[in-house]
Amino acid sequence: MNANVGMVYPVAAPVSAYTPGSSISYSGGFVVAEAVSANVSWNRADGHFFGDDVELDTDNGVLGYTISFEPTGLSATSRQKLLGETVSSNEYTITDAASPDLGFGYIRVMRVKGTTTVTNSYEAWWYKKLKFSISSEETRTKEQNIEWRVPTLEGTGCGVSLDSTGRLSFAQHKTFDTLAAAKSYLNGIAGIT
């Protein structure tokens, strides 16, 4: 058994430097909010090569990905950093500018069955370059039964070329025995002190 039982510590950081063929770096990382859920869909090639009436090869390489991320809500500051809103005198303005390029990560809490015990492990995930958007938001009156409404962030990610191999890198993940170690790993990538 290696089942996902939780999600914690969603963080993001603006891309501070990236030149194709070399490293990518981040600065000004921050904790977005508490996590509710994240759903990642990998966009893959679907190429089939035929010869002599048989399939000889296929290509199912990753082309990109989308993330639907639901936080417990967004502060005005987090929203501004994620979506690129402008701010002046504590007033936030949505403009026609594209959202900033970000790195984004979180920790998946996993339940792992060993030979005699069941323990937790912590998978730290980091998506290297994406842009977030909010396509719709609903606001309603308070009724007899409260319905909790929070925004869903839609992220579109692309690959980055980090070396001379020509291969694109989309995300990375690493498993830790403790939550503190997983947080430290993401903090190091995102530049969170």
N, C-alpha and C. Protein backbone atom coordinates (compact mmCIF):
# COMPACT_ATOMS: atom_id res chain seq x y z
N MET A 1 0.84 -1.18 0.00
CA MET A 1 0.00 0.00 0.00
C MET A 1 0.89 1.24 0.00
N ASN A 2 0.56 2.17 -0.86
CA ASN A 2 1.22 3.46 -0.90
C ASN A 2 0.16 4.46 -1.38
N ALA A 3 -0.77 4.81 -0.48
CA ALA A 3 -1.94 5.59 -0.84
C ALA A 3 -1.82 7.03 -0.37
N ASN A 4 -2.35 7.94 -1.19
CA ASN A 4 -2.37 9.35 -0.83
C ASN A 4 -3.50 9.59 0.16
N VAL A 5 -3.17 10.17 1.33
CA VAL A 5 -4.17 10.42 2.36
C VAL A 5 -4.26 11.89 2.76
N GLY A 6 -3.47 12.76 2.15
CA GLY A 6 -3.53 14.17 2.52
C GLY A 6 -2.68 15.04 1.62
N MET A 7 -2.86 16.34 1.78
CA MET A 7 -2.12 17.34 1.01
C MET A 7 -1.89 18.54 1.92
N VAL A 8 -0.65 19.01 1.99
CA VAL A 8 -0.31 20.15 2.85
C VAL A 8 0.73 21.04 2.17
N TYR A 9 0.84 22.23 2.67
CA TYR A 9 1.94 23.16 2.40
C TYR A 9 2.10 23.53 0.92
N PRO A 10 1.06 24.14 0.30
CA PRO A 10 1.22 24.61 -1.08
C PRO A 10 2.04 25.90 -1.11
N VAL A 11 3.08 25.90 -1.92
CA VAL A 11 3.96 27.05 -2.01
C VAL A 11 4.17 27.42 -3.48
N ALA A 12 4.52 28.67 -3.71
CA ALA A 12 4.81 29.14 -5.07
C ALA A 12 5.96 30.12 -5.00
N ALA A 13 6.60 30.33 -6.14
CA ALA A 13 7.69 31.29 -6.22
C ALA A 13 7.82 31.78 -7.65
N PRO A 14 7.98 33.09 -7.84
CA PRO A 14 8.20 33.61 -9.19
C PRO A 14 9.51 33.10 -9.78
N VAL A 15 9.49 32.82 -11.08
CA VAL A 15 10.73 32.47 -11.78
C VAL A 15 11.58 33.73 -11.82
N SER A 16 12.79 33.68 -11.28
CA SER A 16 13.66 34.86 -11.26
C SER A 16 14.67 34.85 -12.38
N ALA A 17 15.03 33.67 -12.88
CA ALA A 17 15.98 33.58 -13.99
C ALA A 17 15.80 32.25 -14.69
N TYR A 18 15.76 32.32 -16.01
CA TYR A 18 15.70 31.10 -16.80
C TYR A 18 16.21 31.39 -18.20
N THR A 19 17.21 30.66 -18.61
CA THR A 19 17.73 30.68 -19.97
C THR A 19 17.70 29.25 -20.47
N PRO A 20 16.99 28.97 -21.57
CA PRO A 20 16.95 27.60 -22.07
C PRO A 20 18.35 27.00 -22.22
N GLY A 21 18.50 25.78 -21.75
CA GLY A 21 19.79 25.11 -21.80
C GLY A 21 20.58 25.25 -20.52
N SER A 22 20.05 26.01 -19.56
CA SER A 22 20.72 26.14 -18.26
C SER A 22 19.67 26.08 -17.16
N SER A 23 20.06 26.40 -15.95
CA SER A 23 19.17 26.19 -14.81
C SER A 23 18.04 27.22 -14.75
N ILE A 24 17.05 26.90 -13.94
CA ILE A 24 15.96 27.83 -13.63
C ILE A 24 16.05 28.13 -12.14
N SER A 25 15.78 29.38 -11.78
CA SER A 25 15.84 29.75 -10.36
C SER A 25 14.61 30.56 -9.99
N TYR A 26 14.36 30.59 -8.69
CA TYR A 26 13.17 31.22 -8.14
C TYR A 26 13.57 32.13 -6.98
N SER A 27 12.73 33.12 -6.71
CA SER A 27 12.97 33.96 -5.54
C SER A 27 11.63 34.46 -5.02
N GLY A 28 11.63 34.89 -3.78
CA GLY A 28 10.42 35.44 -3.20
C GLY A 28 9.32 34.43 -3.01
N GLY A 29 9.67 33.20 -2.68
CA GLY A 29 8.67 32.16 -2.49
C GLY A 29 7.76 32.45 -1.31
N PHE A 30 6.57 31.87 -1.34
CA PHE A 30 5.59 32.13 -0.29
C PHE A 30 4.63 30.94 -0.17
N VAL A 31 4.04 30.81 1.01
CA VAL A 31 3.00 29.82 1.23
C VAL A 31 1.71 30.42 0.69
N VAL A 32 1.02 29.70 -0.18
CA VAL A 32 -0.17 30.23 -0.85
C VAL A 32 -1.33 30.35 0.13
N ALA A 33 -1.69 29.28 0.78
CA ALA A 33 -2.80 29.18 1.74
C ALA A 33 -2.81 27.73 2.20
N GLU A 34 -3.80 27.35 2.97
CA GLU A 34 -3.94 25.93 3.28
C GLU A 34 -4.46 25.22 2.03
N ALA A 35 -4.11 23.96 1.89
CA ALA A 35 -4.49 23.19 0.70
C ALA A 35 -5.80 22.45 0.91
N VAL A 36 -6.63 22.41 -0.12
CA VAL A 36 -7.81 21.56 -0.14
C VAL A 36 -7.58 20.40 -1.11
N SER A 37 -7.21 20.72 -2.37
CA SER A 37 -6.97 19.65 -3.34
C SER A 37 -6.18 20.17 -4.53
N ALA A 38 -5.57 19.24 -5.24
CA ALA A 38 -4.90 19.54 -6.50
C ALA A 38 -5.13 18.35 -7.43
N ASN A 39 -5.48 18.67 -8.66
CA ASN A 39 -5.69 17.63 -9.66
C ASN A 39 -4.79 17.95 -10.85
N VAL A 40 -3.85 17.08 -11.14
CA VAL A 40 -2.89 17.29 -12.23
C VAL A 40 -3.26 16.40 -13.40
N SER A 41 -3.35 17.00 -14.58
CA SER A 41 -3.59 16.25 -15.82
C SER A 41 -2.38 16.45 -16.73
N TRP A 42 -1.77 15.35 -17.10
CA TRP A 42 -0.60 15.39 -17.98
C TRP A 42 -1.06 15.33 -19.44
N ASN A 43 -0.63 16.29 -20.23
CA ASN A 43 -0.92 16.29 -21.66
C ASN A 43 0.21 15.53 -22.35
N ARG A 44 -0.14 14.46 -23.08
CA ARG A 44 0.87 13.60 -23.68
C ARG A 44 0.69 13.51 -25.19
N ALA A 45 1.79 13.28 -25.88
CA ALA A 45 1.74 13.03 -27.31
C ALA A 45 1.00 11.72 -27.56
N ASP A 46 0.39 11.62 -28.70
CA ASP A 46 -0.32 10.38 -29.05
C ASP A 46 0.06 10.01 -30.48
N GLY A 47 1.35 9.79 -30.69
CA GLY A 47 1.84 9.50 -32.04
C GLY A 47 2.06 8.02 -32.26
N HIS A 48 1.59 7.53 -33.40
CA HIS A 48 1.74 6.12 -33.76
C HIS A 48 2.42 6.04 -35.12
N PHE A 49 3.42 5.18 -35.23
CA PHE A 49 4.17 5.01 -36.47
C PHE A 49 3.96 3.58 -36.99
N PHE A 50 3.49 3.51 -38.24
CA PHE A 50 3.17 2.21 -38.83
C PHE A 50 4.08 1.92 -40.02
N GLY A 51 4.34 0.67 -40.25
CA GLY A 51 5.06 0.19 -41.42
C GLY A 51 4.72 -1.27 -41.66
N ASP A 52 4.60 -1.66 -42.92
CA ASP A 52 4.22 -3.03 -43.26
C ASP A 52 2.95 -3.48 -42.53
N ASP A 53 2.01 -2.55 -42.42
CA ASP A 53 0.70 -2.83 -41.83
C ASP A 53 0.73 -3.16 -40.34
N VAL A 54 1.79 -2.79 -39.64
CA VAL A 54 1.85 -3.00 -38.18
C VAL A 54 2.37 -1.73 -37.51
N GLU A 55 2.04 -1.60 -36.27
CA GLU A 55 2.56 -0.46 -35.50
C GLU A 55 3.99 -0.76 -35.07
N LEU A 56 4.91 0.12 -35.46
CA LEU A 56 6.32 -0.09 -35.17
C LEU A 56 6.79 0.66 -33.92
N ASP A 57 6.15 1.80 -33.66
CA ASP A 57 6.59 2.60 -32.52
C ASP A 57 5.47 3.56 -32.12
N THR A 58 5.55 4.07 -30.91
CA THR A 58 4.61 5.07 -30.43
C THR A 58 5.37 6.16 -29.67
N ASP A 59 4.74 7.30 -29.55
CA ASP A 59 5.31 8.40 -28.77
C ASP A 59 4.23 8.87 -27.80
N ASN A 60 4.50 8.75 -26.52
CA ASN A 60 3.56 9.24 -25.52
C ASN A 60 4.24 10.20 -24.55
N GLY A 61 5.24 10.92 -25.04
CA GLY A 61 5.99 11.86 -24.19
C GLY A 61 5.11 12.99 -23.67
N VAL A 62 5.50 13.56 -22.54
CA VAL A 62 4.76 14.67 -21.93
C VAL A 62 4.96 15.93 -22.75
N LEU A 63 3.86 16.62 -23.04
CA LEU A 63 3.89 17.89 -23.76
C LEU A 63 3.66 19.08 -22.84
N GLY A 64 2.97 18.86 -21.76
CA GLY A 64 2.64 19.91 -20.80
C GLY A 64 1.69 19.33 -19.76
N TYR A 65 1.11 20.20 -18.95
CA TYR A 65 0.21 19.74 -17.91
C TYR A 65 -0.71 20.87 -17.47
N THR A 66 -1.80 20.49 -16.83
CA THR A 66 -2.69 21.45 -16.19
C THR A 66 -2.90 21.02 -14.75
N ILE A 67 -3.04 22.01 -13.89
CA ILE A 67 -3.30 21.76 -12.47
C ILE A 67 -4.54 22.56 -12.07
N SER A 68 -5.50 21.89 -11.47
CA SER A 68 -6.61 22.57 -10.81
C SER A 68 -6.30 22.52 -9.32
N PHE A 69 -6.03 23.68 -8.74
CA PHE A 69 -5.64 23.75 -7.34
C PHE A 69 -6.69 24.53 -6.56
N GLU A 70 -7.19 23.90 -5.51
CA GLU A 70 -8.17 24.55 -4.65
C GLU A 70 -7.55 24.83 -3.29
N PRO A 71 -7.30 26.11 -2.98
CA PRO A 71 -6.84 26.47 -1.65
C PRO A 71 -8.04 26.74 -0.74
N THR A 72 -7.79 27.02 0.53
CA THR A 72 -8.87 27.37 1.44
C THR A 72 -9.33 28.81 1.23
N GLY A 73 -8.73 29.49 0.32
CA GLY A 73 -9.02 30.89 0.03
C GLY A 73 -7.73 31.58 -0.34
N LEU A 74 -7.82 32.81 -0.81
CA LEU A 74 -6.62 33.55 -1.19
C LEU A 74 -6.63 34.93 -0.54
N SER A 75 -5.54 35.27 0.11
CA SER A 75 -5.39 36.65 0.58
C SER A 75 -5.17 37.53 -0.65
N ALA A 76 -5.39 38.82 -0.50
CA ALA A 76 -5.16 39.75 -1.62
C ALA A 76 -3.71 39.69 -2.08
N THR A 77 -2.79 39.52 -1.14
CA THR A 77 -1.36 39.46 -1.48
C THR A 77 -1.04 38.20 -2.28
N SER A 78 -1.54 37.05 -1.82
CA SER A 78 -1.29 35.81 -2.55
C SER A 78 -1.91 35.87 -3.94
N ARG A 79 -3.12 36.38 -4.04
CA ARG A 79 -3.79 36.50 -5.34
C ARG A 79 -2.96 37.38 -6.28
N GLN A 80 -2.46 38.48 -5.78
CA GLN A 80 -1.65 39.39 -6.60
C GLN A 80 -0.38 38.69 -7.09
N LYS A 81 0.29 37.94 -6.23
CA LYS A 81 1.52 37.26 -6.62
C LYS A 81 1.26 36.13 -7.62
N LEU A 82 0.14 35.43 -7.46
CA LEU A 82 -0.17 34.30 -8.34
C LEU A 82 -0.70 34.74 -9.70
N LEU A 83 -1.47 35.82 -9.73
CA LEU A 83 -2.17 36.21 -10.95
C LEU A 83 -1.60 37.45 -11.62
N GLY A 84 -0.67 38.14 -10.95
CA GLY A 84 -0.05 39.31 -11.56
C GLY A 84 -0.89 40.57 -11.51
N GLU A 85 -1.81 40.65 -10.55
CA GLU A 85 -2.58 41.88 -10.41
C GLU A 85 -1.64 43.00 -9.98
N THR A 86 -1.96 44.22 -10.38
CA THR A 86 -1.15 45.36 -9.95
C THR A 86 -1.70 45.87 -8.62
N VAL A 87 -0.83 46.48 -7.83
CA VAL A 87 -1.26 46.99 -6.53
C VAL A 87 -0.69 48.39 -6.32
N SER A 88 -1.55 49.29 -5.86
CA SER A 88 -1.16 50.65 -5.54
C SER A 88 -2.04 51.13 -4.40
N SER A 89 -1.43 51.59 -3.32
CA SER A 89 -2.17 52.07 -2.14
C SER A 89 -3.20 51.05 -1.66
N ASN A 90 -2.77 49.80 -1.58
CA ASN A 90 -3.62 48.69 -1.13
C ASN A 90 -4.83 48.43 -2.01
N GLU A 91 -4.79 48.93 -3.25
CA GLU A 91 -5.86 48.66 -4.22
C GLU A 91 -5.29 47.75 -5.29
N TYR A 92 -5.99 46.63 -5.55
CA TYR A 92 -5.53 45.62 -6.49
C TYR A 92 -6.33 45.75 -7.78
N THR A 93 -5.61 45.72 -8.92
CA THR A 93 -6.25 45.90 -10.21
C THR A 93 -5.93 44.71 -11.11
N ILE A 94 -6.98 44.16 -11.72
CA ILE A 94 -6.82 43.10 -12.71
C ILE A 94 -6.62 43.79 -14.06
N THR A 95 -5.57 43.44 -14.75
CA THR A 95 -5.25 44.05 -16.04
C THR A 95 -5.24 42.97 -17.13
N ASP A 96 -4.89 43.39 -18.35
CA ASP A 96 -4.82 42.44 -19.45
C ASP A 96 -3.47 41.73 -19.54
N ALA A 97 -2.58 41.98 -18.58
CA ALA A 97 -1.26 41.35 -18.59
C ALA A 97 -1.38 39.87 -18.26
N ALA A 98 -0.50 39.07 -18.84
CA ALA A 98 -0.46 37.64 -18.53
C ALA A 98 0.00 37.42 -17.10
N SER A 99 -0.44 36.33 -16.51
CA SER A 99 0.02 35.96 -15.18
C SER A 99 1.52 35.69 -15.21
N PRO A 100 2.20 35.85 -14.08
CA PRO A 100 3.65 35.61 -14.06
C PRO A 100 3.99 34.12 -14.13
N ASP A 101 5.19 33.83 -14.60
CA ASP A 101 5.72 32.46 -14.58
C ASP A 101 6.10 32.13 -13.14
N LEU A 102 5.62 30.99 -12.67
CA LEU A 102 5.85 30.57 -11.29
C LEU A 102 6.33 29.13 -11.24
N GLY A 103 7.01 28.80 -10.16
CA GLY A 103 7.17 27.43 -9.74
C GLY A 103 6.13 27.18 -8.67
N PHE A 104 5.63 25.96 -8.57
CA PHE A 104 4.56 25.66 -7.61
C PHE A 104 4.79 24.27 -7.03
N GLY A 105 4.56 24.13 -5.75
CA GLY A 105 4.76 22.84 -5.12
C GLY A 105 3.84 22.61 -3.94
N TYR A 106 3.80 21.37 -3.51
CA TYR A 106 3.02 20.97 -2.34
C TYR A 106 3.53 19.62 -1.87
N ILE A 107 3.00 19.18 -0.74
CA ILE A 107 3.41 17.90 -0.16
C ILE A 107 2.21 16.96 -0.14
N ARG A 108 2.42 15.77 -0.69
CA ARG A 108 1.42 14.70 -0.63
C ARG A 108 1.73 13.82 0.57
N VAL A 109 0.77 13.69 1.46
CA VAL A 109 0.94 12.80 2.60
C VAL A 109 0.52 11.41 2.14
N MET A 110 1.42 10.44 2.31
CA MET A 110 1.20 9.09 1.82
C MET A 110 1.15 8.11 2.99
N ARG A 111 0.26 7.14 2.92
CA ARG A 111 0.20 6.06 3.90
C ARG A 111 0.91 4.87 3.28
N VAL A 112 1.96 4.40 3.94
CA VAL A 112 2.81 3.35 3.40
C VAL A 112 2.79 2.14 4.32
N LYS A 113 2.52 0.97 3.73
CA LYS A 113 2.51 -0.26 4.51
C LYS A 113 3.85 -0.95 4.39
N GLY A 114 4.50 -1.12 5.52
CA GLY A 114 5.74 -1.88 5.56
C GLY A 114 5.45 -3.34 5.85
N THR A 115 6.44 -4.08 6.25
CA THR A 115 6.23 -5.51 6.52
C THR A 115 5.40 -5.73 7.78
N THR A 116 5.54 -4.82 8.77
CA THR A 116 4.79 -5.01 10.02
C THR A 116 4.01 -3.78 10.46
N THR A 117 4.28 -2.62 9.89
CA THR A 117 3.62 -1.40 10.34
C THR A 117 3.14 -0.56 9.15
N VAL A 118 2.24 0.36 9.46
CA VAL A 118 1.79 1.36 8.49
C VAL A 118 2.28 2.72 8.98
N THR A 119 2.99 3.44 8.12
CA THR A 119 3.54 4.74 8.50
C THR A 119 3.19 5.77 7.43
N ASN A 120 3.47 7.02 7.72
CA ASN A 120 3.31 8.08 6.74
C ASN A 120 4.65 8.42 6.12
N SER A 121 4.61 8.77 4.84
CA SER A 121 5.75 9.38 4.19
C SER A 121 5.24 10.66 3.53
N TYR A 122 6.16 11.50 3.07
CA TYR A 122 5.80 12.82 2.58
C TYR A 122 6.48 13.06 1.25
N GLU A 123 5.67 13.14 0.17
CA GLU A 123 6.19 13.39 -1.18
C GLU A 123 6.12 14.88 -1.48
N ALA A 124 7.27 15.50 -1.62
CA ALA A 124 7.33 16.91 -2.00
C ALA A 124 7.36 16.99 -3.52
N TRP A 125 6.38 17.70 -4.10
CA TRP A 125 6.28 17.87 -5.55
C TRP A 125 6.56 19.32 -5.91
N TRP A 126 7.31 19.52 -7.00
CA TRP A 126 7.61 20.87 -7.50
C TRP A 126 7.40 20.89 -9.02
N TYR A 127 6.50 21.75 -9.46
CA TYR A 127 6.22 21.97 -10.88
C TYR A 127 7.00 23.21 -11.30
N LYS A 128 7.84 23.06 -12.33
CA LYS A 128 8.91 24.02 -12.58
C LYS A 128 8.50 25.34 -13.22
N LYS A 129 7.48 25.33 -14.09
CA LYS A 129 7.11 26.60 -14.73
C LYS A 129 5.65 26.53 -15.19
N LEU A 130 4.83 27.39 -14.61
CA LEU A 130 3.42 27.42 -14.97
C LEU A 130 2.86 28.81 -14.76
N LYS A 131 1.67 29.02 -15.29
CA LYS A 131 0.92 30.26 -15.09
C LYS A 131 -0.44 29.88 -14.53
N PHE A 132 -0.88 30.61 -13.49
CA PHE A 132 -2.18 30.38 -12.90
C PHE A 132 -3.21 31.38 -13.42
N SER A 133 -4.46 30.96 -13.42
CA SER A 133 -5.57 31.86 -13.73
C SER A 133 -6.78 31.43 -12.91
N ILE A 134 -7.72 32.33 -12.78
CA ILE A 134 -9.03 32.02 -12.20
C ILE A 134 -10.05 32.35 -13.28
N SER A 135 -10.78 31.35 -13.74
CA SER A 135 -11.71 31.55 -14.84
C SER A 135 -13.08 32.02 -14.38
N SER A 136 -13.50 31.61 -13.19
CA SER A 136 -14.80 32.04 -12.70
C SER A 136 -14.79 32.04 -11.18
N GLU A 137 -15.60 32.92 -10.62
CA GLU A 137 -15.75 33.01 -9.17
C GLU A 137 -17.22 33.22 -8.86
N GLU A 138 -17.70 32.56 -7.83
CA GLU A 138 -19.10 32.70 -7.44
C GLU A 138 -19.19 33.32 -6.06
N THR A 139 -20.08 34.29 -5.92
CA THR A 139 -20.36 34.91 -4.63
C THR A 139 -21.86 34.87 -4.42
N ARG A 140 -22.30 34.39 -3.26
CA ARG A 140 -23.73 34.26 -3.00
C ARG A 140 -24.04 34.72 -1.58
N THR A 141 -25.30 34.93 -1.33
CA THR A 141 -25.75 35.30 0.00
C THR A 141 -25.59 34.13 0.96
N LYS A 142 -25.52 34.46 2.24
CA LYS A 142 -25.48 33.42 3.27
C LYS A 142 -26.90 32.90 3.46
N GLU A 143 -27.07 31.59 3.32
CA GLU A 143 -28.38 30.97 3.47
C GLU A 143 -28.42 30.16 4.75
N GLN A 144 -29.50 29.41 4.95
CA GLN A 144 -29.65 28.65 6.19
C GLN A 144 -28.50 27.68 6.41
N ASN A 145 -28.11 26.99 5.36
CA ASN A 145 -26.95 26.11 5.43
C ASN A 145 -25.79 26.77 4.70
N ILE A 146 -24.71 27.00 5.40
CA ILE A 146 -23.57 27.68 4.80
C ILE A 146 -22.92 26.78 3.75
N GLU A 147 -22.65 27.34 2.59
CA GLU A 147 -21.85 26.68 1.56
C GLU A 147 -20.53 27.42 1.47
N TRP A 148 -19.45 26.70 1.72
CA TRP A 148 -18.13 27.31 1.72
C TRP A 148 -17.66 27.45 0.27
N ARG A 149 -17.34 28.66 -0.14
CA ARG A 149 -16.91 28.92 -1.51
C ARG A 149 -15.48 29.44 -1.51
N VAL A 150 -14.66 28.79 -2.28
CA VAL A 150 -13.27 29.23 -2.44
C VAL A 150 -12.94 29.17 -3.93
N PRO A 151 -11.97 29.96 -4.37
CA PRO A 151 -11.61 29.94 -5.79
C PRO A 151 -10.83 28.68 -6.15
N THR A 152 -10.91 28.29 -7.40
CA THR A 152 -10.07 27.23 -7.93
C THR A 152 -9.09 27.86 -8.92
N LEU A 153 -7.83 27.66 -8.68
CA LEU A 153 -6.78 28.16 -9.56
C LEU A 153 -6.51 27.13 -10.65
N GLU A 154 -6.50 27.58 -11.88
CA GLU A 154 -6.18 26.71 -13.01
C GLU A 154 -4.77 27.05 -13.48
N GLY A 155 -3.87 26.08 -13.41
CA GLY A 155 -2.49 26.29 -13.83
C GLY A 155 -2.19 25.56 -15.12
N THR A 156 -1.49 26.23 -16.02
CA THR A 156 -1.03 25.61 -17.26
C THR A 156 0.49 25.60 -17.24
N GLY A 157 1.08 24.41 -17.32
CA GLY A 157 2.52 24.28 -17.20
C GLY A 157 3.19 23.86 -18.49
N CYS A 158 4.43 24.27 -18.62
CA CYS A 158 5.22 23.90 -19.78
C CYS A 158 6.57 23.37 -19.31
N GLY A 159 7.30 22.77 -20.22
CA GLY A 159 8.60 22.21 -19.89
C GLY A 159 9.69 23.26 -19.97
N VAL A 160 10.78 22.99 -19.27
CA VAL A 160 11.96 23.85 -19.30
C VAL A 160 13.16 23.01 -19.71
N SER A 161 14.04 23.61 -20.49
CA SER A 161 15.27 22.95 -20.93
C SER A 161 16.38 23.35 -19.97
N LEU A 162 16.86 22.40 -19.18
CA LEU A 162 17.82 22.71 -18.12
C LEU A 162 19.25 22.33 -18.43
N ASP A 163 19.48 21.68 -19.58
CA ASP A 163 20.83 21.27 -19.93
C ASP A 163 20.92 21.12 -21.44
N SER A 164 21.98 20.50 -21.92
CA SER A 164 22.21 20.39 -23.36
C SER A 164 21.63 19.12 -23.98
N THR A 165 20.86 18.34 -23.22
CA THR A 165 20.34 17.07 -23.75
C THR A 165 19.18 17.28 -24.72
N GLY A 166 18.52 18.43 -24.65
CA GLY A 166 17.34 18.67 -25.47
C GLY A 166 16.06 18.14 -24.84
N ARG A 167 16.16 17.50 -23.69
CA ARG A 167 14.99 17.00 -22.99
C ARG A 167 14.38 18.11 -22.15
N LEU A 168 13.04 18.15 -22.12
CA LEU A 168 12.35 19.12 -21.29
C LEU A 168 12.04 18.52 -19.93
N SER A 169 12.11 19.36 -18.92
CA SER A 169 11.81 18.95 -17.55
C SER A 169 10.55 19.68 -17.11
N PHE A 170 9.60 18.96 -16.52
CA PHE A 170 8.31 19.53 -16.14
C PHE A 170 8.12 19.64 -14.64
N ALA A 171 8.51 18.60 -13.91
CA ALA A 171 8.28 18.56 -12.46
C ALA A 171 9.30 17.63 -11.84
N GLN A 172 9.41 17.73 -10.52
CA GLN A 172 10.27 16.82 -9.77
C GLN A 172 9.57 16.49 -8.46
N HIS A 173 9.92 15.34 -7.90
CA HIS A 173 9.36 14.96 -6.61
C HIS A 173 10.36 14.11 -5.84
N LYS A 174 10.25 14.20 -4.52
CA LYS A 174 11.16 13.46 -3.64
C LYS A 174 10.39 13.08 -2.38
N THR A 175 10.64 11.87 -1.89
CA THR A 175 9.93 11.36 -0.71
C THR A 175 10.80 11.50 0.53
N PHE A 176 10.16 11.90 1.62
CA PHE A 176 10.83 12.11 2.90
C PHE A 176 10.10 11.35 4.00
N ASP A 177 10.84 11.05 5.07
CA ASP A 177 10.24 10.36 6.21
C ASP A 177 9.49 11.32 7.13
N THR A 178 9.86 12.61 7.09
CA THR A 178 9.21 13.58 7.97
C THR A 178 8.65 14.75 7.17
N LEU A 179 7.61 15.34 7.71
CA LEU A 179 7.01 16.53 7.09
C LEU A 179 7.99 17.69 7.11
N ALA A 180 8.74 17.84 8.18
CA ALA A 180 9.70 18.94 8.29
C ALA A 180 10.75 18.86 7.18
N ALA A 181 11.23 17.67 6.87
CA ALA A 181 12.23 17.52 5.81
C ALA A 181 11.64 17.84 4.45
N ALA A 182 10.39 17.45 4.20
CA ALA A 182 9.73 17.76 2.93
C ALA A 182 9.53 19.26 2.78
N LYS A 183 9.13 19.94 3.87
CA LYS A 183 8.97 21.39 3.83
C LYS A 183 10.30 22.08 3.56
N SER A 184 11.35 21.62 4.20
CA SER A 184 12.67 22.20 4.01
C SER A 184 13.12 22.08 2.55
N TYR A 185 12.83 20.97 1.93
CA TYR A 185 13.16 20.74 0.53
C TYR A 185 12.46 21.77 -0.37
N LEU A 186 11.14 21.93 -0.19
CA LEU A 186 10.40 22.92 -1.00
C LEU A 186 10.86 24.34 -0.70
N ASN A 187 11.12 24.64 0.57
CA ASN A 187 11.61 25.98 0.93
C ASN A 187 12.91 26.30 0.22
N GLY A 188 13.78 25.31 0.13
CA GLY A 188 15.07 25.52 -0.55
C GLY A 188 14.90 25.84 -2.02
N ILE A 189 13.98 25.15 -2.70
CA ILE A 189 13.74 25.40 -4.11
C ILE A 189 13.09 26.77 -4.32
N ALA A 190 12.08 27.07 -3.49
CA ALA A 190 11.27 28.28 -3.68
C ALA A 190 11.93 29.54 -3.13
N GLY A 191 12.99 29.39 -2.36
CA GLY A 191 13.62 30.56 -1.77
C GLY A 191 12.83 31.10 -0.59
N ILE A 192 12.20 30.20 0.17
CA ILE A 192 11.45 30.61 1.36
C ILE A 192 12.38 30.47 2.56
N THR A 193 12.53 31.54 3.34
CA THR A 193 13.40 31.49 4.50
C THR A 193 12.58 31.44 5.78
